[in-house]
Amino acid sequence: MLSDALLLRDEKDIDTIRELGLKFPQIISKEKLYMFNLELEEIASQRSKLVLSMTTLMTKSTTAFHVWYQLSDKFPITYRLVRALEVLPYTTASVERKFSQMNDIKTKKRNKLGLSQLESYLMAKQFKMKKVRLTAEILNACGEKSQQNFQEY
């Protein structure tokens, strides 16, 4: 798991971090790649000390990302990579769910539905799931045809 690799418990974890840095050039540019490698060399030379420090900083409510925040002054480029990795989704379930909702809306009968209309329907469906009320003002702004379609959902 990624968060385990970020705790540097194994020497191979530094190689994992290096590989991730190379896979995301938009996070670590070519200009900063040299400094990133220097940081990783320093991390490798101090790995046992860093692991002890990380273990001390870790609590039940703390994640590896929080620990790297504490080290951000010393390893700013590596921290930037860790921070970017924190927001990557672990699964594609939410994307698959949206495609499923889109397929529920854009059927064979509604094959001429435009992108902006489809986006509006998806937004309306999402808000309705959260119990947000569509006011008369919103429905009137959408037009009579859209009002009928909103009522279907």
N, C-alpha and C. Protein backbone atom coordinates (compact mmCIF):
# COMPACT_ATOMS: atom_id res chain seq x y z
N MET A 1 0.84 -1.18 0.00
CA MET A 1 0.00 0.00 0.00
C MET A 1 0.89 1.25 0.00
N LEU A 2 0.41 2.30 -0.62
CA LEU A 2 1.19 3.52 -0.78
C LEU A 2 1.60 4.13 0.55
N SER A 3 0.67 4.23 1.50
CA SER A 3 1.01 4.86 2.77
C SER A 3 2.09 4.08 3.52
N ASP A 4 2.15 2.75 3.33
CA ASP A 4 3.22 1.96 3.95
C ASP A 4 4.57 2.31 3.34
N ALA A 5 4.60 2.48 2.03
CA ALA A 5 5.85 2.84 1.35
C ALA A 5 6.33 4.21 1.82
N LEU A 6 5.41 5.09 2.12
CA LEU A 6 5.78 6.44 2.56
C LEU A 6 6.38 6.45 3.96
N LEU A 7 6.21 5.36 4.70
CA LEU A 7 6.79 5.26 6.05
C LEU A 7 8.22 4.72 6.02
N LEU A 8 8.72 4.37 4.85
CA LEU A 8 10.12 3.99 4.64
C LEU A 8 10.57 2.79 5.47
N ARG A 9 9.68 1.87 5.76
CA ARG A 9 10.05 0.72 6.60
C ARG A 9 11.01 -0.22 5.89
N ASP A 10 11.02 -0.19 4.57
CA ASP A 10 11.88 -1.05 3.78
C ASP A 10 12.74 -0.16 2.88
N GLU A 11 13.96 -0.60 2.61
CA GLU A 11 14.85 0.20 1.75
C GLU A 11 14.27 0.36 0.34
N LYS A 12 13.47 -0.60 -0.10
CA LYS A 12 12.85 -0.54 -1.43
C LYS A 12 11.82 0.60 -1.53
N ASP A 13 11.35 1.07 -0.37
CA ASP A 13 10.34 2.13 -0.37
C ASP A 13 10.87 3.42 -0.98
N ILE A 14 12.16 3.67 -0.82
CA ILE A 14 12.76 4.87 -1.41
C ILE A 14 12.73 4.76 -2.94
N ASP A 15 12.99 3.54 -3.45
CA ASP A 15 12.90 3.32 -4.90
C ASP A 15 11.47 3.52 -5.39
N THR A 16 10.50 3.09 -4.58
CA THR A 16 9.09 3.27 -4.93
C THR A 16 8.76 4.76 -5.04
N ILE A 17 9.25 5.54 -4.09
CA ILE A 17 9.01 6.99 -4.10
C ILE A 17 9.70 7.61 -5.32
N ARG A 18 10.91 7.15 -5.63
CA ARG A 18 11.64 7.67 -6.80
C ARG A 18 10.86 7.37 -8.08
N GLU A 19 10.36 6.13 -8.22
CA GLU A 19 9.59 5.76 -9.41
C GLU A 19 8.33 6.61 -9.55
N LEU A 20 7.66 6.86 -8.44
CA LEU A 20 6.46 7.69 -8.48
C LEU A 20 6.80 9.11 -8.92
N GLY A 21 7.92 9.61 -8.42
CA GLY A 21 8.35 10.96 -8.81
C GLY A 21 8.62 11.05 -10.30
N LEU A 22 9.16 9.98 -10.89
CA LEU A 22 9.44 9.97 -12.33
C LEU A 22 8.16 9.83 -13.14
N LYS A 23 7.15 9.21 -12.58
CA LYS A 23 5.89 9.00 -13.30
C LYS A 23 5.01 10.25 -13.33
N PHE A 24 5.33 11.24 -12.49
CA PHE A 24 4.51 12.45 -12.42
C PHE A 24 5.38 13.69 -12.70
N PRO A 25 5.77 13.90 -13.98
CA PRO A 25 6.62 15.05 -14.29
C PRO A 25 5.92 16.39 -14.07
N GLN A 26 4.60 16.39 -14.01
CA GLN A 26 3.89 17.65 -13.74
C GLN A 26 4.02 18.05 -12.27
N ILE A 27 4.41 17.10 -11.41
CA ILE A 27 4.62 17.39 -9.99
C ILE A 27 6.09 17.71 -9.73
N ILE A 28 6.96 16.87 -10.29
CA ILE A 28 8.40 17.10 -10.15
C ILE A 28 8.95 17.33 -11.56
N SER A 29 9.21 18.58 -11.85
CA SER A 29 9.68 18.94 -13.19
C SER A 29 11.11 18.44 -13.41
N LYS A 30 11.54 18.47 -14.67
CA LYS A 30 12.90 18.04 -15.00
C LYS A 30 13.94 18.88 -14.26
N GLU A 31 13.62 20.16 -14.08
CA GLU A 31 14.55 21.05 -13.39
C GLU A 31 14.73 20.66 -11.92
N LYS A 32 13.69 20.12 -11.32
CA LYS A 32 13.74 19.77 -9.89
C LYS A 32 14.11 18.31 -9.66
N LEU A 33 14.27 17.55 -10.73
CA LEU A 33 14.57 16.13 -10.61
C LEU A 33 15.91 15.88 -9.91
N TYR A 34 16.89 16.70 -10.20
CA TYR A 34 18.20 16.56 -9.55
C TYR A 34 18.07 16.76 -8.05
N MET A 35 17.37 17.82 -7.64
CA MET A 35 17.18 18.09 -6.21
C MET A 35 16.36 16.98 -5.54
N PHE A 36 15.39 16.44 -6.26
CA PHE A 36 14.58 15.34 -5.76
C PHE A 36 15.46 14.12 -5.47
N ASN A 37 16.36 13.81 -6.41
CA ASN A 37 17.28 12.69 -6.20
C ASN A 37 18.23 12.94 -5.04
N LEU A 38 18.68 14.18 -4.87
CA LEU A 38 19.52 14.50 -3.71
C LEU A 38 18.75 14.30 -2.40
N GLU A 39 17.48 14.72 -2.40
CA GLU A 39 16.65 14.51 -1.20
C GLU A 39 16.51 13.02 -0.91
N LEU A 40 16.28 12.23 -1.94
CA LEU A 40 16.12 10.80 -1.73
C LEU A 40 17.41 10.15 -1.24
N GLU A 41 18.55 10.63 -1.71
CA GLU A 41 19.84 10.13 -1.21
C GLU A 41 19.99 10.45 0.28
N GLU A 42 19.60 11.66 0.65
CA GLU A 42 19.67 12.04 2.06
C GLU A 42 18.68 11.21 2.89
N ILE A 43 17.50 10.97 2.35
CA ILE A 43 16.52 10.13 3.04
C ILE A 43 17.08 8.72 3.21
N ALA A 44 17.73 8.19 2.17
CA ALA A 44 18.31 6.85 2.25
C ALA A 44 19.41 6.78 3.31
N SER A 45 20.22 7.82 3.39
CA SER A 45 21.31 7.81 4.37
C SER A 45 20.80 7.97 5.80
N GLN A 46 19.64 8.59 5.96
CA GLN A 46 19.07 8.81 7.29
C GLN A 46 17.83 7.95 7.54
N ARG A 47 17.64 6.90 6.73
CA ARG A 47 16.40 6.14 6.78
C ARG A 47 16.08 5.60 8.16
N SER A 48 17.04 5.00 8.84
CA SER A 48 16.74 4.41 10.16
C SER A 48 16.33 5.50 11.16
N LYS A 49 16.98 6.65 11.09
CA LYS A 49 16.63 7.77 11.98
C LYS A 49 15.23 8.30 11.63
N LEU A 50 14.94 8.41 10.31
CA LEU A 50 13.63 8.90 9.87
C LEU A 50 12.51 7.93 10.24
N VAL A 51 12.77 6.63 10.12
CA VAL A 51 11.75 5.63 10.48
C VAL A 51 11.42 5.76 11.96
N LEU A 52 12.44 5.93 12.79
CA LEU A 52 12.21 6.11 14.23
C LEU A 52 11.41 7.39 14.49
N SER A 53 11.77 8.44 13.81
CA SER A 53 11.05 9.71 13.95
C SER A 53 9.60 9.58 13.49
N MET A 54 9.39 8.89 12.37
CA MET A 54 8.03 8.71 11.85
C MET A 54 7.20 7.86 12.81
N THR A 55 7.81 6.83 13.37
CA THR A 55 7.10 5.97 14.31
C THR A 55 6.68 6.76 15.54
N THR A 56 7.54 7.66 15.97
CA THR A 56 7.22 8.51 17.13
C THR A 56 6.08 9.47 16.81
N LEU A 57 6.09 10.02 15.60
CA LEU A 57 5.06 10.99 15.20
C LEU A 57 3.71 10.34 14.91
N MET A 58 3.74 9.06 14.55
CA MET A 58 2.49 8.37 14.17
C MET A 58 1.62 8.10 15.40
N THR A 59 0.35 8.39 15.25
CA THR A 59 -0.65 8.04 16.24
C THR A 59 -1.80 7.39 15.49
N LYS A 60 -2.82 6.99 16.20
CA LYS A 60 -3.97 6.36 15.52
C LYS A 60 -4.65 7.32 14.55
N SER A 61 -4.63 8.61 14.86
CA SER A 61 -5.31 9.58 14.01
C SER A 61 -4.38 10.24 12.99
N THR A 62 -3.11 9.90 13.01
CA THR A 62 -2.14 10.50 12.11
C THR A 62 -1.84 9.55 10.95
N THR A 63 -1.71 10.10 9.77
CA THR A 63 -1.37 9.29 8.61
C THR A 63 0.07 9.60 8.19
N ALA A 64 0.56 8.82 7.24
CA ALA A 64 1.91 9.05 6.71
C ALA A 64 2.00 10.44 6.09
N PHE A 65 0.92 10.93 5.54
CA PHE A 65 0.93 12.25 4.92
C PHE A 65 1.15 13.35 5.97
N HIS A 66 0.57 13.18 7.15
CA HIS A 66 0.78 14.15 8.22
C HIS A 66 2.23 14.14 8.68
N VAL A 67 2.82 12.97 8.73
CA VAL A 67 4.21 12.85 9.14
C VAL A 67 5.12 13.55 8.14
N TRP A 68 4.85 13.37 6.85
CA TRP A 68 5.66 14.03 5.84
C TRP A 68 5.50 15.54 5.90
N TYR A 69 4.36 16.01 6.35
CA TYR A 69 4.18 17.46 6.53
C TYR A 69 5.19 17.99 7.54
N GLN A 70 5.44 17.21 8.58
CA GLN A 70 6.42 17.60 9.60
C GLN A 70 7.84 17.67 9.00
N LEU A 71 8.07 16.90 7.94
CA LEU A 71 9.39 16.86 7.30
C LEU A 71 9.48 17.75 6.06
N SER A 72 8.43 18.53 5.80
CA SER A 72 8.36 19.31 4.55
C SER A 72 9.46 20.37 4.43
N ASP A 73 9.94 20.91 5.53
CA ASP A 73 11.01 21.91 5.45
C ASP A 73 12.32 21.28 4.99
N LYS A 74 12.56 20.06 5.44
CA LYS A 74 13.80 19.37 5.12
C LYS A 74 13.77 18.73 3.74
N PHE A 75 12.61 18.24 3.33
CA PHE A 75 12.46 17.54 2.05
C PHE A 75 11.27 18.12 1.26
N PRO A 76 11.39 19.37 0.78
CA PRO A 76 10.24 20.03 0.16
C PRO A 76 9.75 19.38 -1.14
N ILE A 77 10.65 18.87 -1.95
CA ILE A 77 10.24 18.28 -3.23
C ILE A 77 9.55 16.94 -2.99
N THR A 78 10.11 16.15 -2.11
CA THR A 78 9.50 14.87 -1.78
C THR A 78 8.14 15.10 -1.13
N TYR A 79 8.05 16.10 -0.28
CA TYR A 79 6.76 16.42 0.34
C TYR A 79 5.74 16.84 -0.71
N ARG A 80 6.17 17.57 -1.71
CA ARG A 80 5.24 17.99 -2.77
C ARG A 80 4.67 16.76 -3.48
N LEU A 81 5.52 15.76 -3.72
CA LEU A 81 5.05 14.51 -4.34
C LEU A 81 4.07 13.80 -3.41
N VAL A 82 4.42 13.70 -2.15
CA VAL A 82 3.55 13.02 -1.17
C VAL A 82 2.20 13.72 -1.08
N ARG A 83 2.23 15.03 -1.07
CA ARG A 83 0.98 15.81 -1.00
C ARG A 83 0.11 15.56 -2.23
N ALA A 84 0.73 15.46 -3.39
CA ALA A 84 -0.03 15.18 -4.62
C ALA A 84 -0.59 13.76 -4.60
N LEU A 85 0.17 12.82 -4.07
CA LEU A 85 -0.29 11.44 -4.00
C LEU A 85 -1.47 11.28 -3.04
N GLU A 86 -1.54 12.17 -2.09
CA GLU A 86 -2.62 12.11 -1.09
C GLU A 86 -4.00 12.27 -1.72
N VAL A 87 -4.09 13.01 -2.80
CA VAL A 87 -5.39 13.29 -3.40
C VAL A 87 -5.76 12.34 -4.53
N LEU A 88 -4.85 11.45 -4.89
CA LEU A 88 -5.19 10.47 -5.93
C LEU A 88 -6.24 9.51 -5.42
N PRO A 89 -7.25 9.23 -6.22
CA PRO A 89 -8.27 8.28 -5.76
C PRO A 89 -7.71 6.86 -5.74
N TYR A 90 -8.12 6.10 -4.74
CA TYR A 90 -7.66 4.71 -4.64
C TYR A 90 -8.49 3.78 -5.52
N THR A 91 -9.71 4.20 -5.85
CA THR A 91 -10.56 3.39 -6.72
C THR A 91 -11.20 4.29 -7.76
N THR A 92 -11.82 3.66 -8.73
CA THR A 92 -12.53 4.40 -9.76
C THR A 92 -14.04 4.31 -9.54
N ALA A 93 -14.46 3.89 -8.36
CA ALA A 93 -15.88 3.67 -8.09
C ALA A 93 -16.73 4.92 -8.33
N SER A 94 -16.24 6.08 -7.87
CA SER A 94 -17.05 7.30 -8.03
C SER A 94 -17.21 7.66 -9.51
N VAL A 95 -16.18 7.45 -10.30
CA VAL A 95 -16.27 7.73 -11.73
C VAL A 95 -17.23 6.74 -12.39
N GLU A 96 -17.12 5.47 -12.02
CA GLU A 96 -18.02 4.46 -12.58
C GLU A 96 -19.47 4.75 -12.21
N ARG A 97 -19.69 5.25 -11.01
CA ARG A 97 -21.05 5.60 -10.56
C ARG A 97 -21.62 6.72 -11.42
N LYS A 98 -20.79 7.72 -11.74
CA LYS A 98 -21.25 8.83 -12.58
C LYS A 98 -21.58 8.35 -13.99
N PHE A 99 -20.78 7.45 -14.54
CA PHE A 99 -21.08 6.91 -15.86
C PHE A 99 -22.39 6.14 -15.84
N SER A 100 -22.63 5.41 -14.77
CA SER A 100 -23.88 4.67 -14.64
C SER A 100 -25.07 5.63 -14.59
N GLN A 101 -24.92 6.73 -13.82
CA GLN A 101 -25.99 7.73 -13.75
C GLN A 101 -26.20 8.38 -15.12
N MET A 102 -25.09 8.63 -15.82
CA MET A 102 -25.20 9.24 -17.14
C MET A 102 -25.96 8.30 -18.09
N ASN A 103 -25.65 7.01 -18.02
CA ASN A 103 -26.34 6.05 -18.87
C ASN A 103 -27.82 5.92 -18.52
N ASP A 104 -28.18 6.17 -17.26
CA ASP A 104 -29.58 6.18 -16.87
C ASP A 104 -30.32 7.37 -17.49
N ILE A 105 -29.61 8.47 -17.67
CA ILE A 105 -30.23 9.69 -18.21
C ILE A 105 -30.21 9.70 -19.73
N LYS A 106 -29.06 9.42 -20.30
CA LYS A 106 -28.94 9.46 -21.77
C LYS A 106 -29.24 8.06 -22.32
N THR A 107 -30.49 7.85 -22.63
CA THR A 107 -30.96 6.55 -23.13
C THR A 107 -31.07 6.60 -24.65
N LYS A 108 -31.52 5.50 -25.25
CA LYS A 108 -31.71 5.47 -26.70
C LYS A 108 -32.76 6.48 -27.14
N LYS A 109 -33.76 6.71 -26.29
CA LYS A 109 -34.80 7.69 -26.62
C LYS A 109 -34.28 9.13 -26.51
N ARG A 110 -33.29 9.33 -25.67
CA ARG A 110 -32.73 10.67 -25.47
C ARG A 110 -31.35 10.78 -26.10
N ASN A 111 -31.15 10.21 -27.26
CA ASN A 111 -29.83 10.17 -27.87
C ASN A 111 -29.36 11.52 -28.41
N LYS A 112 -30.25 12.48 -28.52
CA LYS A 112 -29.86 13.81 -29.02
C LYS A 112 -29.61 14.80 -27.88
N LEU A 113 -29.55 14.29 -26.69
CA LEU A 113 -29.31 15.13 -25.52
C LEU A 113 -27.89 15.71 -25.61
N GLY A 114 -27.79 17.02 -25.55
CA GLY A 114 -26.49 17.67 -25.65
C GLY A 114 -25.69 17.56 -24.36
N LEU A 115 -24.41 17.88 -24.46
CA LEU A 115 -23.51 17.78 -23.32
C LEU A 115 -23.94 18.69 -22.17
N SER A 116 -24.30 19.94 -22.47
CA SER A 116 -24.69 20.86 -21.40
C SER A 116 -26.00 20.41 -20.74
N GLN A 117 -26.93 19.86 -21.54
CA GLN A 117 -28.17 19.36 -20.96
C GLN A 117 -27.90 18.14 -20.07
N LEU A 118 -27.04 17.25 -20.55
CA LEU A 118 -26.69 16.07 -19.78
C LEU A 118 -26.03 16.46 -18.46
N GLU A 119 -25.14 17.43 -18.53
CA GLU A 119 -24.49 17.92 -17.32
C GLU A 119 -25.52 18.51 -16.35
N SER A 120 -26.48 19.25 -16.88
CA SER A 120 -27.53 19.83 -16.04
C SER A 120 -28.37 18.75 -15.37
N TYR A 121 -28.72 17.73 -16.12
CA TYR A 121 -29.50 16.62 -15.55
C TYR A 121 -28.72 15.91 -14.44
N LEU A 122 -27.44 15.67 -14.70
CA LEU A 122 -26.60 15.01 -13.68
C LEU A 122 -26.51 15.85 -12.41
N MET A 123 -26.35 17.16 -12.59
CA MET A 123 -26.29 18.06 -11.43
C MET A 123 -27.61 18.04 -10.68
N ALA A 124 -28.72 18.10 -11.41
CA ALA A 124 -30.04 18.09 -10.77
C ALA A 124 -30.25 16.78 -10.02
N LYS A 125 -29.84 15.69 -10.64
CA LYS A 125 -29.99 14.38 -9.98
C LYS A 125 -29.13 14.32 -8.72
N GLN A 126 -27.93 14.85 -8.81
CA GLN A 126 -27.04 14.85 -7.64
C GLN A 126 -27.63 15.68 -6.51
N PHE A 127 -28.14 16.85 -6.82
CA PHE A 127 -28.72 17.70 -5.78
C PHE A 127 -29.97 17.09 -5.18
N LYS A 128 -30.76 16.43 -6.00
CA LYS A 128 -31.98 15.81 -5.48
C LYS A 128 -31.62 14.69 -4.52
N MET A 129 -30.55 13.95 -4.80
CA MET A 129 -30.10 12.89 -3.90
C MET A 129 -29.71 13.46 -2.55
N LYS A 130 -29.23 14.69 -2.53
CA LYS A 130 -28.84 15.32 -1.28
C LYS A 130 -29.99 16.10 -0.66
N LYS A 131 -31.18 15.89 -1.16
CA LYS A 131 -32.40 16.52 -0.63
C LYS A 131 -32.40 18.04 -0.79
N VAL A 132 -31.74 18.54 -1.82
CA VAL A 132 -31.81 19.96 -2.13
C VAL A 132 -33.07 20.17 -2.95
N ARG A 133 -33.87 21.12 -2.55
CA ARG A 133 -35.14 21.35 -3.24
C ARG A 133 -34.93 22.23 -4.45
N LEU A 134 -35.54 21.81 -5.54
CA LEU A 134 -35.54 22.63 -6.74
C LEU A 134 -36.69 23.62 -6.61
N THR A 135 -36.37 24.87 -6.54
CA THR A 135 -37.39 25.89 -6.34
C THR A 135 -38.11 26.18 -7.66
N ALA A 136 -39.26 26.83 -7.55
CA ALA A 136 -40.03 27.21 -8.73
C ALA A 136 -39.20 28.13 -9.62
N GLU A 137 -38.40 28.97 -9.00
CA GLU A 137 -37.55 29.89 -9.76
C GLU A 137 -36.54 29.13 -10.62
N ILE A 138 -35.94 28.09 -10.06
CA ILE A 138 -34.98 27.28 -10.81
C ILE A 138 -35.68 26.55 -11.94
N LEU A 139 -36.82 25.95 -11.63
CA LEU A 139 -37.56 25.21 -12.65
C LEU A 139 -38.05 26.12 -13.77
N ASN A 140 -38.51 27.32 -13.42
CA ASN A 140 -38.96 28.27 -14.44
C ASN A 140 -37.80 28.69 -15.34
N ALA A 141 -36.63 28.82 -14.76
CA ALA A 141 -35.45 29.20 -15.55
C ALA A 141 -35.07 28.10 -16.53
N CYS A 142 -35.41 26.87 -16.22
CA CYS A 142 -35.07 25.73 -17.09
C CYS A 142 -36.03 25.58 -18.25
N GLY A 143 -37.21 26.13 -18.13
CA GLY A 143 -38.20 26.01 -19.20
C GLY A 143 -39.17 24.88 -18.94
N GLU A 144 -40.28 24.91 -19.66
CA GLU A 144 -41.38 23.96 -19.44
C GLU A 144 -40.98 22.52 -19.75
N LYS A 145 -40.27 22.30 -20.85
CA LYS A 145 -39.85 20.95 -21.25
C LYS A 145 -38.94 20.34 -20.18
N SER A 146 -38.01 21.15 -19.68
CA SER A 146 -37.09 20.66 -18.65
C SER A 146 -37.83 20.35 -17.36
N GLN A 147 -38.88 21.13 -17.05
CA GLN A 147 -39.65 20.88 -15.82
C GLN A 147 -40.23 19.48 -15.84
N GLN A 148 -40.74 19.06 -16.98
CA GLN A 148 -41.30 17.71 -17.09
C GLN A 148 -40.22 16.65 -16.87
N ASN A 149 -39.05 16.87 -17.43
CA ASN A 149 -37.95 15.92 -17.28
C ASN A 149 -37.44 15.88 -15.85
N PHE A 150 -37.40 17.02 -15.15
CA PHE A 150 -36.98 17.04 -13.76
C PHE A 150 -37.91 16.23 -12.90
N GLN A 151 -39.19 16.28 -13.22
CA GLN A 151 -40.16 15.56 -12.41
C GLN A 151 -40.01 14.05 -12.54
N GLU A 152 -39.38 13.58 -13.63
CA GLU A 152 -39.13 12.15 -13.80
C GLU A 152 -38.15 11.64 -12.74
N TYR A 153 -37.27 12.50 -12.27
CA TYR A 153 -36.24 12.11 -11.33
C TYR A 153 -36.63 12.54 -9.95
